Amino acid sequence: MVEKLEPYFDFGVKSCWIVIPTLQAILVYDSPTHYEFYHEDEILKDKILNIEIDLKKVFE
């Protein structure tokens, strides 16, 4: 999945999320080589899209 990120960003995607249900985690990429890792009961903050999501609600 990570290998597919570069073309997305090349086409103008500003933020890309990879959801890993088994870990109750989401990786938020703002470039093909930089991401922030959120898991379990954290508040995901996508600074590019100005979105905040409580991961407890995502993985209920």
PDB file of N, CA and C in Angstrom:
ATOM      1  N   MET A   1       0.811  -1.194   0.000  1.00  0.00           N
ATOM      2  CA  MET A   1       0.000   0.000   0.000  1.00  0.00           C
ATOM      3  C   MET A   1       0.857   1.262   0.000  1.00  0.00           C
ATOM      4  N   VAL A   2       1.913   1.235   0.774  1.00  0.00           N
ATOM      5  CA  VAL A   2       2.773   2.420   0.877  1.00  0.00           C
ATOM      6  C   VAL A   2       3.400   2.756  -0.466  1.00  0.00           C
ATOM      7  N   GLU A   3       3.719   1.728  -1.245  1.00  0.00           N
ATOM      8  CA  GLU A   3       4.316   1.960  -2.563  1.00  0.00           C
ATOM      9  C   GLU A   3       3.370   2.706  -3.499  1.00  0.00           C
ATOM     10  N   LYS A   4       2.073   2.606  -3.272  1.00  0.00           N
ATOM     11  CA  LYS A   4       1.080   3.261  -4.125  1.00  0.00           C
ATOM     12  C   LYS A   4       0.879   4.731  -3.772  1.00  0.00           C
ATOM     13  N   LEU A   5       1.445   5.194  -2.673  1.00  0.00           N
ATOM     14  CA  LEU A   5       1.224   6.570  -2.230  1.00  0.00           C
ATOM     15  C   LEU A   5       1.792   7.615  -3.181  1.00  0.00           C
ATOM     16  N   GLU A   6       2.975   7.390  -3.691  1.00  0.00           N
ATOM     17  CA  GLU A   6       3.637   8.395  -4.528  1.00  0.00           C
ATOM     18  C   GLU A   6       2.783   8.827  -5.721  1.00  0.00           C
ATOM     19  N   PRO A   7       2.199   7.887  -6.482  1.00  0.00           N
ATOM     20  CA  PRO A   7       1.348   8.331  -7.596  1.00  0.00           C
ATOM     21  C   PRO A   7       0.162   9.175  -7.147  1.00  0.00           C
ATOM     22  N   TYR A   8      -0.433   8.834  -5.999  1.00  0.00           N
ATOM     23  CA  TYR A   8      -1.547   9.638  -5.494  1.00  0.00           C
ATOM     24  C   TYR A   8      -1.106  11.080  -5.254  1.00  0.00           C
ATOM     25  N   PHE A   9       0.015  11.240  -4.592  1.00  0.00           N
ATOM     26  CA  PHE A   9       0.513  12.589  -4.312  1.00  0.00           C
ATOM     27  C   PHE A   9       0.939  13.293  -5.601  1.00  0.00           C
ATOM     28  N   ASP A  10       1.472  12.540  -6.560  1.00  0.00           N
ATOM     29  CA  ASP A  10       1.829  13.124  -7.857  1.00  0.00           C
ATOM     30  C   ASP A  10       0.602  13.691  -8.572  1.00  0.00           C
ATOM     31  N   PHE A  11      -0.565  13.068  -8.341  1.00  0.00           N
ATOM     32  CA  PHE A  11      -1.798  13.532  -8.980  1.00  0.00           C
ATOM     33  C   PHE A  11      -2.536  14.579  -8.153  1.00  0.00           C
ATOM     34  N   GLY A  12      -1.934  15.028  -7.058  1.00  0.00           N
ATOM     35  CA  GLY A  12      -2.504  16.135  -6.308  1.00  0.00           C
ATOM     36  C   GLY A  12      -3.179  15.804  -5.001  1.00  0.00           C
ATOM     37  N   VAL A  13      -3.192  14.535  -4.605  1.00  0.00           N
ATOM     38  CA  VAL A  13      -3.759  14.191  -3.306  1.00  0.00           C
ATOM     39  C   VAL A  13      -2.932  14.879  -2.225  1.00  0.00           C
ATOM     40  N   LYS A  14      -3.597  15.495  -1.257  1.00  0.00           N
ATOM     41  CA  LYS A  14      -2.893  16.235  -0.204  1.00  0.00           C
ATOM     42  C   LYS A  14      -2.695  15.413   1.064  1.00  0.00           C
ATOM     43  N   SER A  15      -3.569  14.427   1.269  1.00  0.00           N
ATOM     44  CA  SER A  15      -3.517  13.607   2.471  1.00  0.00           C
ATOM     45  C   SER A  15      -4.042  12.228   2.136  1.00  0.00           C
ATOM     46  N   CYS A  16      -3.401  11.195   2.672  1.00  0.00           N
ATOM     47  CA  CYS A  16      -3.816   9.824   2.391  1.00  0.00           C
ATOM     48  C   CYS A  16      -3.764   9.038   3.699  1.00  0.00           C
ATOM     49  N   TRP A  17      -4.810   8.279   3.950  1.00  0.00           N
ATOM     50  CA  TRP A  17      -4.891   7.493   5.173  1.00  0.00           C
ATOM     51  C   TRP A  17      -4.799   6.009   4.846  1.00  0.00           C
ATOM     52  N   ILE A  18      -4.052   5.300   5.663  1.00  0.00           N
ATOM     53  CA  ILE A  18      -4.019   3.846   5.590  1.00  0.00           C
ATOM     54  C   ILE A  18      -4.586   3.335   6.913  1.00  0.00           C
ATOM     55  N   VAL A  19      -5.683   2.592   6.831  1.00  0.00           N
ATOM     56  CA  VAL A  19      -6.366   2.076   8.013  1.00  0.00           C
ATOM     57  C   VAL A  19      -5.934   0.632   8.233  1.00  0.00           C
ATOM     58  N   ILE A  20      -5.543   0.336   9.476  1.00  0.00           N
ATOM     59  CA  ILE A  20      -5.108  -1.010   9.847  1.00  0.00           C
ATOM     60  C   ILE A  20      -6.030  -1.502  10.968  1.00  0.00           C
ATOM     61  N   PRO A  21      -7.152  -2.117  10.609  1.00  0.00           N
ATOM     62  CA  PRO A  21      -8.143  -2.513  11.608  1.00  0.00           C
ATOM     63  C   PRO A  21      -7.611  -3.437  12.699  1.00  0.00           C
ATOM     64  N   THR A  22      -6.743  -4.377  12.354  1.00  0.00           N
ATOM     65  CA  THR A  22      -6.244  -5.330  13.351  1.00  0.00           C
ATOM     66  C   THR A  22      -5.434  -4.648  14.452  1.00  0.00           C
ATOM     67  N   LEU A  23      -4.842  -3.506  14.151  1.00  0.00           N
ATOM     68  CA  LEU A  23      -4.093  -2.738  15.152  1.00  0.00           C
ATOM     69  C   LEU A  23      -4.909  -1.582  15.715  1.00  0.00           C
ATOM     70  N   GLN A  24      -6.113  -1.405  15.202  1.00  0.00           N
ATOM     71  CA  GLN A  24      -6.934  -0.242  15.517  1.00  0.00           C
ATOM     72  C   GLN A  24      -6.100   1.028  15.342  1.00  0.00           C
ATOM     73  N   ALA A  25      -5.530   1.136  14.147  1.00  0.00           N
ATOM     74  CA  ALA A  25      -4.606   2.229  13.855  1.00  0.00           C
ATOM     75  C   ALA A  25      -4.879   2.825  12.482  1.00  0.00           C
ATOM     76  N   ILE A  26      -4.500   4.101  12.348  1.00  0.00           N
ATOM     77  CA  ILE A  26      -4.562   4.789  11.067  1.00  0.00           C
ATOM     78  C   ILE A  26      -3.276   5.570  10.891  1.00  0.00           C
ATOM     79  N   LEU A  27      -2.659   5.414   9.714  1.00  0.00           N
ATOM     80  CA  LEU A  27      -1.483   6.197   9.345  1.00  0.00           C
ATOM     81  C   LEU A  27      -1.977   7.328   8.455  1.00  0.00           C
ATOM     82  N   VAL A  28      -1.627   8.557   8.798  1.00  0.00           N
ATOM     83  CA  VAL A  28      -2.038   9.725   8.022  1.00  0.00           C
ATOM     84  C   VAL A  28      -0.798  10.283   7.328  1.00  0.00           C
ATOM     85  N   TYR A  29      -0.745  10.130   6.012  1.00  0.00           N
ATOM     86  CA  TYR A  29       0.388  10.601   5.215  1.00  0.00           C
ATOM     87  C   TYR A  29       0.092  11.991   4.662  1.00  0.00           C
ATOM     88  N   ASP A  30       1.077  12.905   4.785  1.00  0.00           N
ATOM     89  CA  ASP A  30       0.968  14.213   4.137  1.00  0.00           C
ATOM     90  C   ASP A  30       1.980  14.342   2.995  1.00  0.00           C
ATOM     91  N   SER A  31       2.736  13.273   2.785  1.00  0.00           N
ATOM     92  CA  SER A  31       3.644  13.130   1.641  1.00  0.00           C
ATOM     93  C   SER A  31       3.953  11.642   1.543  1.00  0.00           C
ATOM     94  N   PRO A  32       4.542  11.194   0.450  1.00  0.00           N
ATOM     95  CA  PRO A  32       4.825   9.761   0.336  1.00  0.00           C
ATOM     96  C   PRO A  32       5.801   9.229   1.380  1.00  0.00           C
ATOM     97  N   THR A  33       6.548  10.114   2.030  1.00  0.00           N
ATOM     98  CA  THR A  33       7.561   9.657   2.985  1.00  0.00           C
ATOM     99  C   THR A  33       7.334  10.134   4.411  1.00  0.00           C
ATOM    100  N   HIS A  34       6.238  10.855   4.667  1.00  0.00           N
ATOM    101  CA  HIS A  34       5.994  11.360   6.024  1.00  0.00           C
ATOM    102  C   HIS A  34       4.581  11.024   6.464  1.00  0.00           C
ATOM    103  N   TYR A  35       4.472  10.453   7.653  1.00  0.00           N
ATOM    104  CA  TYR A  35       3.152  10.110   8.193  1.00  0.00           C
ATOM    105  C   TYR A  35       3.129  10.309   9.695  1.00  0.00           C
ATOM    106  N   GLU A  36       1.905  10.352  10.236  1.00  0.00           N
ATOM    107  CA  GLU A  36       1.685  10.329  11.676  1.00  0.00           C
ATOM    108  C   GLU A  36       0.861   9.088  11.970  1.00  0.00           C
ATOM    109  N   PHE A  37       1.199   8.425  13.074  1.00  0.00           N
ATOM    110  CA  PHE A  37       0.569   7.164  13.460  1.00  0.00           C
ATOM    111  C   PHE A  37      -0.384   7.423  14.623  1.00  0.00           C
ATOM    112  N   TYR A  38      -1.633   7.005  14.455  1.00  0.00           N
ATOM    113  CA  TYR A  38      -2.644   7.148  15.503  1.00  0.00           C
ATOM    114  C   TYR A  38      -3.229   5.772  15.779  1.00  0.00           C
ATOM    115  N   HIS A  39      -3.479   5.474  17.064  1.00  0.00           N
ATOM    116  CA  HIS A  39      -4.064   4.170  17.371  1.00  0.00           C
ATOM    117  C   HIS A  39      -4.908   4.222  18.640  1.00  0.00           C
ATOM    118  N   GLU A  40      -5.731   3.174  18.771  1.00  0.00           N
ATOM    119  CA  GLU A  40      -6.600   2.910  19.915  1.00  0.00           C
ATOM    120  C   GLU A  40      -7.484   4.085  20.273  1.00  0.00           C
ATOM    121  N   ASP A  41      -7.216   4.772  21.374  1.00  0.00           N
ATOM    122  CA  ASP A  41      -8.128   5.813  21.860  1.00  0.00           C
ATOM    123  C   ASP A  41      -7.624   7.238  21.592  1.00  0.00           C
ATOM    124  N   GLU A  42      -6.731   7.397  20.641  1.00  0.00           N
ATOM    125  CA  GLU A  42      -6.209   8.724  20.319  1.00  0.00           C
ATOM    126  C   GLU A  42      -7.194   9.509  19.444  1.00  0.00           C
ATOM    127  N   ILE A  43      -6.976  10.792  19.377  1.00  0.00           N
ATOM    128  CA  ILE A  43      -7.715  11.653  18.463  1.00  0.00           C
ATOM    129  C   ILE A  43      -6.842  11.863  17.231  1.00  0.00           C
ATOM    130  N   LEU A  44      -7.312  11.351  16.093  1.00  0.00           N
ATOM    131  CA  LEU A  44      -6.601  11.540  14.835  1.00  0.00           C
ATOM    132  C   LEU A  44      -6.750  12.995  14.421  1.00  0.00           C
ATOM    133  N   LYS A  45      -5.642  13.617  14.043  1.00  0.00           N
ATOM    134  CA  LYS A  45      -5.658  15.012  13.590  1.00  0.00           C
ATOM    135  C   LYS A  45      -4.979  15.111  12.237  1.00  0.00           C
ATOM    136  N   ASP A  46      -5.787  15.284  11.206  1.00  0.00           N
ATOM    137  CA  ASP A  46      -5.260  15.490   9.863  1.00  0.00           C
ATOM    138  C   ASP A  46      -5.159  16.996   9.660  1.00  0.00           C
ATOM    139  N   LYS A  47      -3.951  17.517   9.797  1.00  0.00           N
ATOM    140  CA  LYS A  47      -3.730  18.969   9.724  1.00  0.00           C
ATOM    141  C   LYS A  47      -3.957  19.520   8.324  1.00  0.00           C
ATOM    142  N   ILE A  48      -3.745  18.705   7.305  1.00  0.00           N
ATOM    143  CA  ILE A  48      -3.934  19.144   5.924  1.00  0.00           C
ATOM    144  C   ILE A  48      -5.416  19.346   5.626  1.00  0.00           C
ATOM    145  N   LEU A  49      -6.246  18.380   6.031  1.00  0.00           N
ATOM    146  CA  LEU A  49      -7.682  18.437   5.762  1.00  0.00           C
ATOM    147  C   LEU A  49      -8.476  19.098   6.886  1.00  0.00           C
ATOM    148  N   ASN A  50      -7.778  19.435   7.982  1.00  0.00           N
ATOM    149  CA  ASN A  50      -8.418  20.065   9.134  1.00  0.00           C
ATOM    150  C   ASN A  50      -9.539  19.182   9.683  1.00  0.00           C
ATOM    151  N   ILE A  51      -9.210  17.906   9.923  1.00  0.00           N
ATOM    152  CA  ILE A  51     -10.162  16.920  10.431  1.00  0.00           C
ATOM    153  C   ILE A  51      -9.624  16.335  11.731  1.00  0.00           C
ATOM    154  N   GLU A  52     -10.511  16.175  12.704  1.00  0.00           N
ATOM    155  CA  GLU A  52     -10.193  15.462  13.936  1.00  0.00           C
ATOM    156  C   GLU A  52     -11.235  14.369  14.140  1.00  0.00           C
ATOM    157  N   ILE A  53     -10.763  13.146  14.438  1.00  0.00           N
ATOM    158  CA  ILE A  53     -11.658  12.011  14.621  1.00  0.00           C
ATOM    159  C   ILE A  53     -11.201  11.208  15.838  1.00  0.00           C
ATOM    160  N   ASP A  54     -12.145  10.882  16.707  1.00  0.00           N
ATOM    161  CA  ASP A  54     -11.876  10.038  17.851  1.00  0.00           C
ATOM    162  C   ASP A  54     -11.820   8.586  17.373  1.00  0.00           C
ATOM    163  N   LEU A  55     -10.653   7.958  17.476  1.00  0.00           N
ATOM    164  CA  LEU A  55     -10.498   6.604  16.970  1.00  0.00           C
ATOM    165  C   LEU A  55     -11.338   5.574  17.727  1.00  0.00           C
ATOM    166  N   LYS A  56     -11.706   5.859  18.962  1.00  0.00           N
ATOM    167  CA  LYS A  56     -12.593   4.939  19.674  1.00  0.00           C
ATOM    168  C   LYS A  56     -13.889   4.757  18.903  1.00  0.00           C
ATOM    169  N   LYS A  57     -14.383   5.837  18.306  1.00  0.00           N
ATOM    170  CA  LYS A  57     -15.630   5.757  17.553  1.00  0.00           C
ATOM    171  C   LYS A  57     -15.434   5.045  16.207  1.00  0.00           C
ATOM    172  N   VAL A  58     -14.273   5.162  15.635  1.00  0.00           N
ATOM    173  CA  VAL A  58     -14.000   4.501  14.363  1.00  0.00           C
ATOM    174  C   VAL A  58     -13.959   2.990  14.526  1.00  0.00           C
ATOM    175  N   PHE A  59     -13.334   2.526  15.595  1.00  0.00           N
ATOM    176  CA  PHE A  59     -13.094   1.099  15.767  1.00  0.00           C
ATOM    177  C   PHE A  59     -14.052   0.419  16.757  1.00  0.00           C
ATOM    178  N   GLU A  60     -15.195   1.035  17.071  1.00  0.00           N
ATOM    179  CA  GLU A  60     -16.184   0.425  17.975  1.00  0.00           C
ATOM    180  C   GLU A  60     -16.699  -0.871  17.404  1.00  0.00           C
TER     181      GLU A  60
END
